[in-house]
Amino acid sequence: MTQRSRSHDAPPKKTDMAVMLPVKRKAHDPFRLKLTPWHGVFLALVCIFTTSYGYATTAPEVDSIRTVMLRWMPLLLEGFLFNILISILAWPIYRWCCQFDTVLGL
């Protein structure tokens, strides 16, 4: 067999730069949760039963959850829309400020 010269060899597979290394998958990760759809059903039932119990034990003069949510819904929607408006206007405001800084030479 003939020896290949070093210039034709493939580049080395190992490097001392940690960011360049491929991610190694562990065969078994003990901290990984193996959730099934039944876990979601169980959590939903727990939420339903605990809120039902809490509602049943409150005084009758306390508003229902549905009434409170309907009362707060316009304010929540207004805050959400204001957040969207700020997000949409952030880029043009930033660009305008950058142009203003360029004109002033700052």
N, C-alpha and C. Protein backbone atom coordinates (compact mmCIF):
# COMPACT_ATOMS: atom_id res chain seq x y z
N MET A 1 0.82 -1.17 0.00
CA MET A 1 0.00 0.00 0.00
C MET A 1 0.87 1.24 0.00
N THR A 2 0.40 2.19 -0.68
CA THR A 2 1.15 3.44 -0.71
C THR A 2 0.57 4.42 0.30
N GLN A 3 1.44 5.21 0.86
CA GLN A 3 1.04 6.24 1.82
C GLN A 3 0.56 7.46 1.06
N ARG A 4 -0.56 8.02 1.51
CA ARG A 4 -1.02 9.27 0.91
C ARG A 4 -0.29 10.42 1.59
N SER A 5 -0.07 11.44 0.81
CA SER A 5 0.62 12.60 1.40
C SER A 5 -0.33 13.34 2.32
N ARG A 6 0.23 14.15 3.21
CA ARG A 6 -0.55 14.89 4.19
C ARG A 6 -1.47 15.92 3.53
N SER A 7 -1.11 16.44 2.39
CA SER A 7 -1.93 17.47 1.76
C SER A 7 -3.23 16.91 1.20
N HIS A 8 -3.27 15.60 0.95
CA HIS A 8 -4.48 15.00 0.41
C HIS A 8 -5.33 14.32 1.47
N ASP A 9 -4.87 14.30 2.70
CA ASP A 9 -5.65 13.67 3.76
C ASP A 9 -6.89 14.51 4.08
N ALA A 10 -7.87 13.82 4.58
CA ALA A 10 -9.09 14.52 4.99
C ALA A 10 -8.78 15.39 6.21
N PRO A 11 -9.49 16.49 6.39
CA PRO A 11 -9.23 17.33 7.56
C PRO A 11 -9.53 16.55 8.84
N PRO A 12 -8.86 16.90 9.91
CA PRO A 12 -9.08 16.16 11.16
C PRO A 12 -10.52 16.36 11.65
N LYS A 13 -11.05 15.32 12.26
CA LYS A 13 -12.42 15.34 12.76
C LYS A 13 -12.52 16.02 14.13
N LYS A 14 -11.43 16.09 14.85
CA LYS A 14 -11.46 16.64 16.20
C LYS A 14 -10.90 18.05 16.19
N THR A 15 -11.46 18.88 17.08
CA THR A 15 -10.99 20.25 17.23
C THR A 15 -11.06 20.62 18.70
N ASP A 16 -10.27 21.60 19.09
CA ASP A 16 -10.30 22.03 20.49
C ASP A 16 -11.30 23.16 20.70
N MET A 17 -12.01 23.54 19.65
CA MET A 17 -13.02 24.59 19.77
C MET A 17 -14.36 23.95 20.10
N ALA A 18 -14.86 24.20 21.30
CA ALA A 18 -16.07 23.52 21.76
C ALA A 18 -17.29 23.91 20.95
N VAL A 19 -17.32 25.11 20.39
CA VAL A 19 -18.50 25.52 19.63
C VAL A 19 -18.60 24.81 18.30
N MET A 20 -17.54 24.20 17.86
CA MET A 20 -17.55 23.53 16.57
C MET A 20 -17.89 22.05 16.68
N LEU A 21 -17.97 21.53 17.89
CA LEU A 21 -18.23 20.12 18.06
C LEU A 21 -19.71 19.83 17.83
N PRO A 22 -20.03 18.68 17.24
CA PRO A 22 -21.44 18.32 17.07
C PRO A 22 -22.07 17.98 18.41
N VAL A 23 -23.36 18.12 18.48
CA VAL A 23 -24.08 17.81 19.71
C VAL A 23 -24.15 16.30 19.85
N LYS A 24 -23.75 15.83 21.01
CA LYS A 24 -23.81 14.40 21.27
C LYS A 24 -25.10 14.10 22.02
N ARG A 25 -25.88 13.19 21.48
CA ARG A 25 -27.13 12.77 22.11
C ARG A 25 -26.84 11.64 23.08
N LYS A 26 -27.37 11.76 24.27
CA LYS A 26 -27.20 10.69 25.24
C LYS A 26 -28.19 9.58 24.92
N ALA A 27 -27.75 8.37 25.17
CA ALA A 27 -28.64 7.23 24.91
C ALA A 27 -29.84 7.27 25.84
N HIS A 28 -29.62 7.64 27.11
CA HIS A 28 -30.71 7.70 28.08
C HIS A 28 -30.49 8.92 28.95
N ASP A 29 -31.45 9.82 28.93
CA ASP A 29 -31.37 11.01 29.76
C ASP A 29 -32.30 10.82 30.95
N PRO A 30 -31.78 10.70 32.17
CA PRO A 30 -32.65 10.41 33.32
C PRO A 30 -33.58 11.57 33.67
N PHE A 31 -33.29 12.79 33.21
CA PHE A 31 -34.12 13.93 33.55
C PHE A 31 -35.17 14.24 32.49
N ARG A 32 -35.23 13.47 31.44
CA ARG A 32 -36.20 13.71 30.37
C ARG A 32 -37.55 13.15 30.79
N LEU A 33 -38.58 14.01 30.69
CA LEU A 33 -39.92 13.57 31.02
C LEU A 33 -40.55 12.88 29.82
N LYS A 34 -41.16 11.78 30.07
CA LYS A 34 -41.84 11.06 29.01
C LYS A 34 -43.34 11.25 29.22
N LEU A 35 -43.85 12.33 28.64
CA LEU A 35 -45.26 12.66 28.83
C LEU A 35 -46.10 12.04 27.72
N THR A 36 -47.27 11.59 28.11
CA THR A 36 -48.22 11.02 27.18
C THR A 36 -49.47 11.90 27.18
N PRO A 37 -50.37 11.70 26.25
CA PRO A 37 -51.61 12.49 26.25
C PRO A 37 -52.41 12.34 27.55
N TRP A 38 -52.27 11.20 28.22
CA TRP A 38 -53.00 11.00 29.47
C TRP A 38 -52.52 11.96 30.55
N HIS A 39 -51.28 12.37 30.50
CA HIS A 39 -50.80 13.36 31.47
C HIS A 39 -51.54 14.68 31.28
N GLY A 40 -51.77 15.08 30.03
CA GLY A 40 -52.52 16.29 29.75
C GLY A 40 -53.96 16.19 30.22
N VAL A 41 -54.57 15.02 30.00
CA VAL A 41 -55.95 14.81 30.46
C VAL A 41 -56.00 14.90 31.98
N PHE A 42 -55.05 14.29 32.64
CA PHE A 42 -55.01 14.32 34.11
C PHE A 42 -54.85 15.76 34.61
N LEU A 43 -53.94 16.54 34.01
CA LEU A 43 -53.76 17.92 34.44
C LEU A 43 -55.01 18.76 34.19
N ALA A 44 -55.69 18.54 33.08
CA ALA A 44 -56.92 19.26 32.79
C ALA A 44 -58.00 18.92 33.82
N LEU A 45 -58.12 17.65 34.17
CA LEU A 45 -59.11 17.25 35.18
C LEU A 45 -58.77 17.84 36.54
N VAL A 46 -57.50 17.87 36.90
CA VAL A 46 -57.10 18.48 38.17
C VAL A 46 -57.48 19.95 38.19
N CYS A 47 -57.22 20.66 37.09
CA CYS A 47 -57.58 22.08 37.02
C CYS A 47 -59.09 22.27 37.13
N ILE A 48 -59.85 21.44 36.44
CA ILE A 48 -61.31 21.57 36.47
C ILE A 48 -61.85 21.30 37.86
N PHE A 49 -61.39 20.23 38.48
CA PHE A 49 -61.91 19.87 39.80
C PHE A 49 -61.49 20.86 40.88
N THR A 50 -60.26 21.33 40.83
CA THR A 50 -59.83 22.28 41.87
C THR A 50 -60.53 23.61 41.73
N THR A 51 -60.74 24.09 40.51
CA THR A 51 -61.47 25.35 40.35
C THR A 51 -62.94 25.18 40.70
N SER A 52 -63.50 24.01 40.40
CA SER A 52 -64.89 23.76 40.77
C SER A 52 -65.04 23.73 42.29
N TYR A 53 -64.12 23.09 42.95
CA TYR A 53 -64.16 23.05 44.41
C TYR A 53 -64.00 24.45 45.00
N GLY A 54 -63.07 25.22 44.45
CA GLY A 54 -62.89 26.59 44.93
C GLY A 54 -64.11 27.45 44.70
N TYR A 55 -64.77 27.27 43.57
CA TYR A 55 -65.98 28.04 43.28
C TYR A 55 -67.12 27.61 44.20
N ALA A 56 -67.19 26.32 44.49
CA ALA A 56 -68.27 25.82 45.34
C ALA A 56 -68.12 26.27 46.79
N THR A 57 -66.90 26.51 47.24
CA THR A 57 -66.69 26.90 48.63
C THR A 57 -66.70 28.40 48.85
N THR A 58 -66.86 29.22 47.80
CA THR A 58 -66.90 30.66 47.98
C THR A 58 -68.29 31.12 48.37
N ALA A 59 -68.34 32.31 48.87
CA ALA A 59 -69.63 32.89 49.27
C ALA A 59 -70.46 33.19 48.02
N PRO A 60 -71.79 33.20 48.14
CA PRO A 60 -72.62 33.41 46.96
C PRO A 60 -72.54 34.83 46.39
N GLU A 61 -72.10 35.82 47.18
CA GLU A 61 -72.03 37.17 46.65
C GLU A 61 -70.80 37.43 45.80
N VAL A 62 -69.89 36.47 45.71
CA VAL A 62 -68.69 36.61 44.89
C VAL A 62 -69.06 36.32 43.44
N ASP A 63 -68.57 37.15 42.52
CA ASP A 63 -68.86 36.96 41.10
C ASP A 63 -68.24 35.67 40.58
N SER A 64 -68.86 35.10 39.58
CA SER A 64 -68.34 33.87 38.97
C SER A 64 -67.10 34.21 38.14
N ILE A 65 -66.36 33.19 37.82
CA ILE A 65 -65.15 33.37 37.02
C ILE A 65 -65.52 33.92 35.65
N ARG A 66 -66.60 33.41 35.08
CA ARG A 66 -67.04 33.87 33.76
C ARG A 66 -67.38 35.36 33.79
N THR A 67 -68.07 35.82 34.84
CA THR A 67 -68.44 37.23 34.95
C THR A 67 -67.20 38.11 35.09
N VAL A 68 -66.25 37.68 35.89
CA VAL A 68 -65.03 38.46 36.08
C VAL A 68 -64.24 38.54 34.78
N MET A 69 -64.13 37.43 34.06
CA MET A 69 -63.40 37.43 32.80
C MET A 69 -64.09 38.33 31.77
N LEU A 70 -65.41 38.31 31.70
CA LEU A 70 -66.12 39.17 30.77
C LEU A 70 -65.96 40.65 31.14
N ARG A 71 -65.89 40.94 32.42
CA ARG A 71 -65.70 42.32 32.86
C ARG A 71 -64.28 42.82 32.51
N TRP A 72 -63.29 41.96 32.62
CA TRP A 72 -61.90 42.38 32.37
C TRP A 72 -61.49 42.24 30.91
N MET A 73 -62.27 41.55 30.10
CA MET A 73 -61.89 41.29 28.72
C MET A 73 -61.62 42.55 27.90
N PRO A 74 -62.44 43.62 27.98
CA PRO A 74 -62.13 44.81 27.19
C PRO A 74 -60.79 45.44 27.57
N LEU A 75 -60.48 45.48 28.85
CA LEU A 75 -59.21 46.05 29.28
C LEU A 75 -58.03 45.20 28.81
N LEU A 76 -58.17 43.89 28.90
CA LEU A 76 -57.11 43.00 28.44
C LEU A 76 -56.90 43.13 26.93
N LEU A 77 -58.00 43.23 26.19
CA LEU A 77 -57.90 43.39 24.74
C LEU A 77 -57.26 44.72 24.38
N GLU A 78 -57.62 45.77 25.11
CA GLU A 78 -57.02 47.08 24.85
C GLU A 78 -55.52 47.06 25.12
N GLY A 79 -55.09 46.42 26.20
CA GLY A 79 -53.66 46.31 26.49
C GLY A 79 -52.93 45.50 25.44
N PHE A 80 -53.56 44.42 24.96
CA PHE A 80 -52.94 43.61 23.92
C PHE A 80 -52.77 44.40 22.63
N LEU A 81 -53.82 45.13 22.24
CA LEU A 81 -53.74 45.92 21.01
C LEU A 81 -52.71 47.05 21.14
N PHE A 82 -52.61 47.64 22.33
CA PHE A 82 -51.60 48.68 22.55
C PHE A 82 -50.19 48.08 22.42
N ASN A 83 -50.01 46.86 22.92
CA ASN A 83 -48.72 46.18 22.80
C ASN A 83 -48.37 45.92 21.34
N ILE A 84 -49.35 45.49 20.55
CA ILE A 84 -49.13 45.27 19.13
C ILE A 84 -48.77 46.58 18.43
N LEU A 85 -49.48 47.67 18.77
CA LEU A 85 -49.20 48.97 18.18
C LEU A 85 -47.78 49.43 18.49
N ILE A 86 -47.35 49.28 19.70
CA ILE A 86 -45.98 49.66 20.07
C ILE A 86 -44.98 48.83 19.29
N SER A 87 -45.24 47.55 19.14
CA SER A 87 -44.32 46.68 18.41
C SER A 87 -44.23 47.08 16.94
N ILE A 88 -45.36 47.45 16.34
CA ILE A 88 -45.36 47.83 14.93
C ILE A 88 -44.66 49.18 14.74
N LEU A 89 -44.86 50.12 15.67
CA LEU A 89 -44.28 51.45 15.52
C LEU A 89 -42.82 51.54 15.98
N ALA A 90 -42.31 50.54 16.64
CA ALA A 90 -40.95 50.61 17.19
C ALA A 90 -39.92 50.76 16.08
N TRP A 91 -40.04 50.03 15.00
CA TRP A 91 -39.04 50.09 13.93
C TRP A 91 -39.05 51.43 13.21
N PRO A 92 -40.20 51.96 12.78
CA PRO A 92 -40.15 53.29 12.13
C PRO A 92 -39.64 54.39 13.06
N ILE A 93 -39.99 54.33 14.33
CA ILE A 93 -39.49 55.34 15.28
C ILE A 93 -37.98 55.23 15.40
N TYR A 94 -37.48 54.02 15.47
CA TYR A 94 -36.03 53.81 15.56
C TYR A 94 -35.33 54.35 14.31
N ARG A 95 -35.90 54.03 13.13
CA ARG A 95 -35.28 54.50 11.89
C ARG A 95 -35.30 56.02 11.80
N TRP A 96 -36.38 56.66 12.24
CA TRP A 96 -36.47 58.11 12.23
C TRP A 96 -35.43 58.72 13.16
N CYS A 97 -35.28 58.13 14.34
CA CYS A 97 -34.28 58.64 15.28
C CYS A 97 -32.87 58.49 14.73
N CYS A 98 -32.59 57.40 14.03
CA CYS A 98 -31.25 57.22 13.44
C CYS A 98 -31.00 58.27 12.35
N GLN A 99 -32.01 58.57 11.55
CA GLN A 99 -31.84 59.60 10.52
C GLN A 99 -31.64 60.96 11.15
N PHE A 100 -32.34 61.25 12.22
CA PHE A 100 -32.20 62.52 12.93
C PHE A 100 -30.80 62.65 13.51
N ASP A 101 -30.27 61.56 14.05
CA ASP A 101 -28.91 61.58 14.58
C ASP A 101 -27.89 61.80 13.46
N THR A 102 -28.15 61.25 12.28
CA THR A 102 -27.23 61.41 11.16
C THR A 102 -27.21 62.86 10.69
N VAL A 103 -28.39 63.50 10.66
CA VAL A 103 -28.46 64.89 10.23
C VAL A 103 -27.72 65.79 11.20
N LEU A 104 -27.85 65.51 12.49
CA LEU A 104 -27.17 66.32 13.49
C LEU A 104 -25.69 65.99 13.61
N GLY A 105 -25.28 64.86 13.07
CA GLY A 105 -23.88 64.47 13.16
C GLY A 105 -23.50 63.91 14.51
N LEU A 106 -24.44 63.29 15.18
CA LEU A 106 -24.16 62.72 16.51
C LEU A 106 -23.58 61.34 16.39
